[in-house]
């Protein structure tokens, strides 16, 4: 199988390395100097410099040539660049697309599957199917061939089978789903809860607080997902609880690291400038709160994270406001 992976950050590179152990893969990035550096090093010095590229991994910074002979396209660009990428791809071919980016589009509040519907149209009428791969997965562990299990949801059984067969080898196990909306929600909203977990850890609150944040955060994610038509079952699986637990506790979690630094009193712009990677939860929090208001959904943890990030609310005040909420039924 010939596969094009679009986006050469840490996750896109990790997916390309994994796929190239079984398939012919082209890894694309828009930045020509980034491609040149990777071609020379046969690795990604900026993000995953310690891991060499397999022989079947090729590099390109021309989008048309990168996808012209592909059987499957994988998008791993930041959510902020997803719409523009889909618009370009729409002009080039009608190939199926699986995306691995997680977040909400700034300004519209759309999830990736909603952006895909907006740009590409309904798969039932356009015959262009798409899907999402998401779950508890750090790039550095995947390329080290440590066991990783994720969920792949697609708009057609044929695409689900094609994409699952592409990824399902070596240390990666794939579970399939039809719930594209639910898998997209789980991947996006867990980043916000991970910032809350990082704030808690940074303030030294311990295991009890972290467990409460994860559990009540999952309740918020589930409420939001069900309100837009997702299956409740999805949030108990890899794309829901699994990804949430990893992102709230894992040492590689960028969003958790943002929370830890916020707890130290550092301004968000300084944190992002020093991070070197995208932390989607920073941008997702505000968009989720806007949508949750329209949907009349109570999301107190997400709200307080948004207040800390975007309105400079002191983390200790956010914690006190959460603890001081009225008593309510858990379910």
Protein backbone atom coordinates (compact mmCIF):
# COMPACT_ATOMS: atom_id res chain seq x y z
CA UNK A 1 0.00 0.00 0.00
CA UNK A 2 1.17 3.56 -0.76
CA UNK A 3 0.39 6.02 2.02
CA UNK A 4 0.90 9.78 2.29
CA UNK A 5 1.34 11.24 5.78
CA UNK A 6 0.78 14.99 5.75
CA UNK A 7 2.41 16.88 8.59
CA UNK A 8 5.90 16.21 9.95
CA UNK A 9 5.55 17.07 13.61
CA UNK A 10 6.22 14.47 16.28
CA UNK A 11 2.98 12.52 15.78
CA UNK A 12 2.96 12.66 11.99
CA UNK A 13 6.57 11.49 11.94
CA UNK A 14 5.86 8.67 14.39
CA UNK A 15 2.93 7.46 12.29
CA UNK A 16 5.03 7.64 9.13
CA UNK A 17 7.84 5.61 10.73
CA UNK A 18 5.37 2.99 11.94
CA UNK A 19 3.58 2.74 8.59
CA UNK A 20 6.83 2.60 6.61
CA UNK A 21 7.79 -0.64 8.33
CA UNK A 22 5.09 -2.32 6.23
CA UNK A 23 4.16 0.12 3.45
CA UNK A 24 5.66 2.69 1.10
CA UNK A 25 5.19 6.06 2.79
CA UNK A 26 5.68 9.67 1.77
CA UNK A 27 5.99 12.13 4.67
CA UNK A 28 5.05 15.66 3.59
CA UNK A 29 5.70 19.02 5.20
CA UNK A 30 5.12 22.45 3.72
CA UNK A 31 8.45 23.78 4.98
CA UNK A 32 11.16 22.94 2.45
CA UNK A 33 14.04 23.42 4.87
CA UNK A 34 12.39 21.03 7.33
CA UNK A 35 12.15 18.41 4.59
CA UNK A 36 15.77 19.02 3.55
CA UNK A 37 16.97 18.60 7.12
CA UNK A 38 15.08 15.33 7.52
CA UNK A 39 16.27 14.05 4.16
CA UNK A 40 19.88 14.72 5.12
CA UNK A 41 19.60 13.20 8.61
CA UNK A 42 17.18 10.39 7.69
CA UNK A 43 15.38 11.34 10.89
CA UNK A 44 13.35 14.26 12.24
CA UNK A 45 15.95 16.24 14.22
CA UNK A 46 13.39 18.79 15.41
CA UNK A 47 10.91 16.35 16.97
CA UNK A 48 12.17 12.74 16.96
CA UNK A 49 15.86 13.00 16.22
CA UNK A 50 16.87 9.74 17.86
CA UNK A 51 14.80 7.57 15.53
CA UNK A 52 16.01 6.73 12.03
CA UNK A 53 13.62 6.53 9.09
CA UNK A 54 12.89 3.12 7.52
CA UNK A 55 14.01 2.61 3.92
CA UNK A 56 10.43 2.86 2.65
CA UNK A 57 9.90 6.34 4.11
CA UNK A 58 10.31 9.12 1.54
CA UNK A 59 10.07 12.90 1.94
CA UNK A 60 8.37 15.63 -0.09
CA UNK A 61 7.30 19.25 0.34
CA UNK A 62 5.14 19.36 -2.80
CA UNK A 63 1.59 18.35 -1.86
CA UNK A 64 0.50 17.24 -5.30
CA UNK A 65 3.45 14.92 -5.84
CA UNK A 66 3.13 13.63 -2.27
CA UNK A 67 -0.43 12.37 -2.79
CA UNK A 68 -0.62 11.64 -6.53
CA UNK A 69 -0.03 7.89 -6.26
CA UNK A 70 -1.31 7.29 -2.73
CA UNK A 71 -3.92 4.72 -1.75
CA UNK A 72 -4.57 6.46 1.57
CA UNK A 73 -3.93 9.93 3.02
CA UNK A 74 -3.19 10.53 6.70
CA UNK A 75 -3.46 14.10 7.99
CA UNK A 76 -1.37 14.97 11.03
CA UNK A 77 -1.26 18.75 10.65
CA UNK A 78 -2.36 21.00 13.53
CA UNK A 79 -6.11 21.57 13.69
CA UNK A 80 -5.50 25.22 12.76
CA UNK A 81 -4.14 24.09 9.37
CA UNK A 82 -6.66 21.30 8.74
CA UNK A 83 -9.25 23.29 6.76
CA UNK A 84 -6.69 24.72 4.34
CA UNK A 85 -5.16 21.29 3.81
CA UNK A 86 -8.54 19.73 3.03
CA UNK A 87 -9.32 22.54 0.60
CA UNK A 88 -6.09 21.83 -1.27
CA UNK A 89 -6.68 18.08 -1.28
CA UNK A 90 -10.20 18.54 -2.59
CA UNK A 91 -8.76 20.10 -5.73
CA UNK A 92 -6.20 17.33 -6.24
CA UNK A 93 -8.02 14.01 -5.90
CA UNK A 94 -10.84 12.07 -4.29
CA UNK A 95 -8.77 9.83 -2.03
CA UNK A 96 -10.00 8.77 1.42
CA UNK A 97 -8.53 10.71 4.34
CA UNK A 98 -7.82 9.67 7.92
CA UNK A 99 -6.82 12.46 10.29
CA UNK A 100 -4.84 12.22 13.51
CA UNK A 101 -5.12 15.85 14.64
CA UNK A 102 -7.10 16.63 17.80
CA UNK A 103 -8.81 19.89 18.68
CA UNK A 104 -11.49 22.41 17.74
CA UNK A 105 -11.07 24.96 14.98
CA UNK A 106 -10.51 28.43 16.41
CA UNK A 107 -13.27 30.83 15.39
CA UNK A 108 -15.83 28.24 14.31
CA UNK A 109 -15.58 25.80 17.21
CA UNK A 110 -15.84 22.94 14.72
CA UNK A 111 -14.39 19.51 15.42
CA UNK A 112 -12.26 17.95 12.66
CA UNK A 113 -15.11 15.79 11.35
CA UNK A 114 -17.30 18.89 11.09
CA UNK A 115 -14.57 20.73 9.20
CA UNK A 116 -14.29 17.73 6.86
CA UNK A 117 -18.04 17.75 6.22
CA UNK A 118 -17.94 21.50 5.63
CA UNK A 119 -15.06 21.35 3.14
CA UNK A 120 -15.46 17.97 1.46
CA UNK A 121 -19.22 17.47 1.72
CA UNK A 122 -21.21 14.48 2.91
CA UNK A 123 -19.53 11.16 2.02
CA UNK A 124 -22.89 9.78 0.91
CA UNK A 125 -23.09 12.27 -1.94
CA UNK A 126 -19.41 12.94 -2.71
CA UNK A 127 -18.14 9.34 -2.44
CA UNK A 128 -15.12 10.68 -0.53
CA UNK A 129 -14.92 8.92 2.80
CA UNK A 130 -12.94 10.01 5.81
CA UNK A 131 -12.15 9.00 9.36
CA UNK A 132 -10.12 9.59 12.48
CA UNK A 133 -7.49 7.67 14.42
CA UNK A 134 -7.19 8.52 18.11
CA UNK A 135 -6.42 7.01 21.47
CA UNK A 136 -3.74 6.79 24.18
CA UNK A 137 -0.58 7.15 22.13
CA UNK A 138 2.63 9.11 22.62
CA UNK A 139 4.87 9.48 19.57
CA UNK A 140 8.06 8.52 21.40
CA UNK A 141 6.56 5.24 22.59
CA UNK A 142 5.14 4.27 19.19
CA UNK A 143 8.48 4.71 17.43
CA UNK A 144 10.17 2.68 20.17
CA UNK A 145 7.74 -0.10 19.23
CA UNK A 146 6.11 -0.19 22.65
CA UNK A 147 2.58 -1.68 22.62
CA UNK A 148 -0.02 0.90 21.59
CA UNK A 149 -3.78 0.46 21.07
CA UNK A 150 -5.99 3.10 19.44
CA UNK A 151 -9.42 3.53 17.87
CA UNK A 152 -10.05 4.12 14.18
CA UNK A 153 -13.49 5.41 13.18
CA UNK A 154 -14.52 5.91 9.56
CA UNK A 155 -17.55 6.83 7.48
CA UNK A 156 -17.49 3.58 5.51
CA UNK A 157 -16.68 -0.05 6.23
CA UNK A 158 -14.32 -0.15 3.24
CA UNK A 159 -12.23 2.75 4.54
CA UNK A 160 -12.29 1.34 8.06
CA UNK A 161 -10.88 -1.95 6.78
CA UNK A 162 -8.30 -0.27 4.52
CA UNK A 163 -6.99 2.07 7.21
CA UNK A 164 -7.07 -0.52 9.99
CA UNK A 165 -5.03 -2.93 7.87
CA UNK A 166 -2.53 -0.14 7.16
CA UNK A 167 -1.89 0.61 10.83
CA UNK A 168 -2.45 -2.80 12.43
CA UNK A 169 1.01 -4.36 12.57
CA UNK A 170 4.01 -4.56 14.84
CA UNK A 171 3.32 -2.98 18.23
CA UNK A 172 0.14 -1.13 17.19
CA UNK A 173 -3.29 -2.65 17.71
CA UNK A 174 -6.36 -1.09 16.06
CA UNK A 175 -9.95 -1.21 17.25
CA UNK A 176 -12.55 0.01 14.76
CA UNK A 177 -15.62 2.17 15.31
CA UNK A 178 -18.35 3.90 13.33
CA UNK A 179 -18.51 6.84 15.76
CA UNK A 180 -16.41 9.47 13.99
CA UNK A 181 -17.98 12.25 16.07
CA UNK A 182 -17.31 10.53 19.40
CA UNK A 183 -13.70 9.68 18.61
CA UNK A 184 -13.14 13.28 17.49
CA UNK A 185 -14.68 14.65 20.70
CA UNK A 186 -12.61 12.39 22.95
CA UNK A 187 -9.38 13.36 21.25
CA UNK A 188 -10.09 17.08 21.44
CA UNK A 189 -11.57 17.60 24.87
CA UNK A 190 -9.16 15.40 26.83
CA UNK A 191 -6.46 17.99 26.17
CA UNK A 192 -8.36 20.58 28.21
CA UNK A 193 -8.85 18.21 31.13
CA UNK A 194 -5.13 17.36 30.97
CA UNK A 195 -4.32 21.03 31.52
CA UNK A 196 -6.51 20.90 34.64
CA UNK A 197 -4.66 17.78 35.80
CA UNK A 198 -1.36 19.55 35.22
CA UNK A 199 -2.49 22.54 37.27
CA UNK A 200 -3.46 20.16 40.07
CA UNK A 201 -0.11 18.37 39.93
CA UNK A 202 1.76 21.66 39.76
CA UNK A 203 0.01 22.86 42.90
CA UNK A 204 0.91 19.64 44.70
CA UNK A 205 -2.62 18.38 45.21
CA UNK A 206 -1.78 14.69 44.87
CA UNK A 207 -3.46 11.57 43.56
CA UNK A 208 -6.94 12.14 44.98
CA UNK A 209 -7.35 15.41 43.13
CA UNK A 210 -5.97 13.99 39.87
CA UNK A 211 -8.38 11.06 40.00
CA UNK A 212 -11.31 13.40 40.63
CA UNK A 213 -10.32 15.62 37.70
CA UNK A 214 -10.03 12.64 35.35
CA UNK A 215 -13.38 11.18 36.42
CA UNK A 216 -15.34 14.43 36.40
CA UNK A 217 -13.53 15.50 33.25
CA UNK A 218 -14.72 12.35 31.53
CA UNK A 219 -18.27 13.24 32.57
CA UNK A 220 -17.88 16.63 30.86
CA UNK A 221 -16.49 15.05 27.70
CA UNK A 222 -19.34 12.53 27.61
CA UNK A 223 -22.00 15.23 28.07
CA UNK A 224 -20.57 17.28 25.24
CA UNK A 225 -20.22 14.27 22.96
CA UNK A 226 -23.73 12.99 23.52
CA UNK A 227 -25.10 16.49 22.88
CA UNK A 228 -23.66 16.43 19.35
CA UNK A 229 -24.80 12.90 18.61
CA UNK A 230 -21.85 10.74 19.69
CA UNK A 231 -22.29 7.29 21.21
CA UNK A 232 -21.87 7.16 25.02
CA UNK A 233 -19.97 3.87 24.66
CA UNK A 234 -17.11 5.63 22.86
CA UNK A 235 -16.12 7.57 25.97
CA UNK A 236 -15.49 4.43 27.99
CA UNK A 237 -13.04 3.20 25.36
CA UNK A 238 -9.57 4.00 24.09
CA UNK A 239 -10.57 7.26 22.40
CA UNK A 240 -12.30 8.45 25.57
CA UNK A 241 -11.13 7.21 28.97
CA UNK A 242 -7.93 5.70 27.58
CA UNK A 243 -6.65 8.86 25.94
CA UNK A 244 -7.81 10.99 28.86
CA UNK A 245 -5.93 8.94 31.47
CA UNK A 246 -2.73 8.96 29.44
CA UNK A 247 -2.81 12.68 28.70
CA UNK A 248 -3.57 13.55 32.33
CA UNK A 249 -0.78 11.40 33.76
CA UNK A 250 1.89 10.78 31.12
CA UNK A 251 5.33 12.35 31.23
CA UNK A 252 5.19 13.22 27.51
CA UNK A 253 1.87 15.11 27.76
CA UNK A 254 2.30 18.65 26.44
CA UNK A 255 -1.09 19.76 27.75
CA UNK A 256 -0.38 18.48 31.25
CA UNK A 257 2.95 20.34 31.10
CA UNK A 258 1.09 23.55 30.22
CA UNK A 259 -1.01 23.09 33.36
CA UNK A 260 2.04 22.48 35.54
CA UNK A 261 3.63 25.70 34.30
CA UNK A 262 0.39 27.65 34.76
CA UNK A 263 0.37 26.48 38.39
CA UNK A 264 3.85 27.97 38.73
CA UNK A 265 2.42 31.36 37.78
CA UNK A 266 3.98 31.58 34.34
CA UNK A 267 2.06 33.49 31.63
CA UNK A 268 0.51 31.40 28.88
CA UNK A 269 2.42 33.11 26.05
CA UNK A 270 5.75 32.39 27.74
CA UNK A 271 4.69 28.77 28.26
CA UNK A 272 3.73 28.26 24.63
CA UNK A 273 6.88 29.96 23.35
CA UNK A 274 9.02 27.64 25.44
CA UNK A 275 7.10 24.45 24.71
CA UNK A 276 8.26 23.95 21.11
CA UNK A 277 5.19 21.86 20.29
CA UNK A 278 1.49 22.48 19.75
CA UNK A 279 -0.70 22.12 22.87
CA UNK A 280 -4.18 21.96 21.36
CA UNK A 281 -5.96 22.19 24.72
CA UNK A 282 -5.01 25.85 25.07
CA UNK A 283 -7.09 26.77 22.02
CA UNK A 284 -9.75 24.10 22.49
CA UNK A 285 -10.86 25.27 25.96
CA UNK A 286 -12.33 28.58 24.80
CA UNK A 287 -14.07 27.03 21.80
CA UNK A 288 -15.60 24.26 23.91
CA UNK A 289 -17.00 26.76 26.38
CA UNK A 290 -18.58 28.76 23.55
CA UNK A 291 -20.24 25.62 22.15
CA UNK A 292 -21.25 24.25 25.54
CA UNK A 293 -23.13 27.47 26.21
CA UNK A 294 -25.11 27.07 23.00
CA UNK A 295 -25.79 23.43 23.91
CA UNK A 296 -26.68 24.28 27.55
CA UNK A 297 -24.06 21.87 28.91
CA UNK A 298 -22.43 22.29 32.31
CA UNK A 299 -18.63 21.96 31.97
CA UNK A 300 -17.13 23.48 35.14
CA UNK A 301 -13.59 22.08 34.83
CA UNK A 302 -13.31 23.17 31.20
CA UNK A 303 -14.70 26.59 32.13
CA UNK A 304 -12.12 27.14 34.87
CA UNK A 305 -9.27 26.04 32.60
CA UNK A 306 -10.45 28.56 30.01
CA UNK A 307 -10.59 31.27 32.66
CA UNK A 308 -7.04 30.55 33.81
CA UNK A 309 -5.67 30.53 30.26
CA UNK A 310 -7.60 33.32 28.60
CA UNK A 311 -8.58 35.62 31.49
CA UNK A 312 -5.50 35.17 33.72
CA UNK A 313 -7.55 33.80 36.60
CA UNK A 314 -5.24 32.61 39.39
CA UNK A 315 -5.25 28.79 39.48
CA UNK A 316 -5.90 28.78 43.26
CA UNK A 317 -9.09 30.80 42.69
CA UNK A 318 -10.20 28.38 39.98
CA UNK A 319 -9.69 25.47 42.39
CA UNK A 320 -11.67 27.18 45.14
CA UNK A 321 -14.53 27.93 42.76
CA UNK A 322 -14.68 24.26 41.71
CA UNK A 323 -14.61 23.03 45.32
CA UNK A 324 -17.26 25.57 46.33
CA UNK A 325 -19.87 24.47 43.80
CA UNK A 326 -23.24 23.36 45.15
CA UNK A 327 -23.72 19.70 46.07
CA UNK A 328 -25.25 17.72 43.21
CA UNK A 329 -26.00 14.17 42.12
CA UNK A 330 -23.05 12.47 40.44
CA UNK A 331 -25.09 11.20 37.49
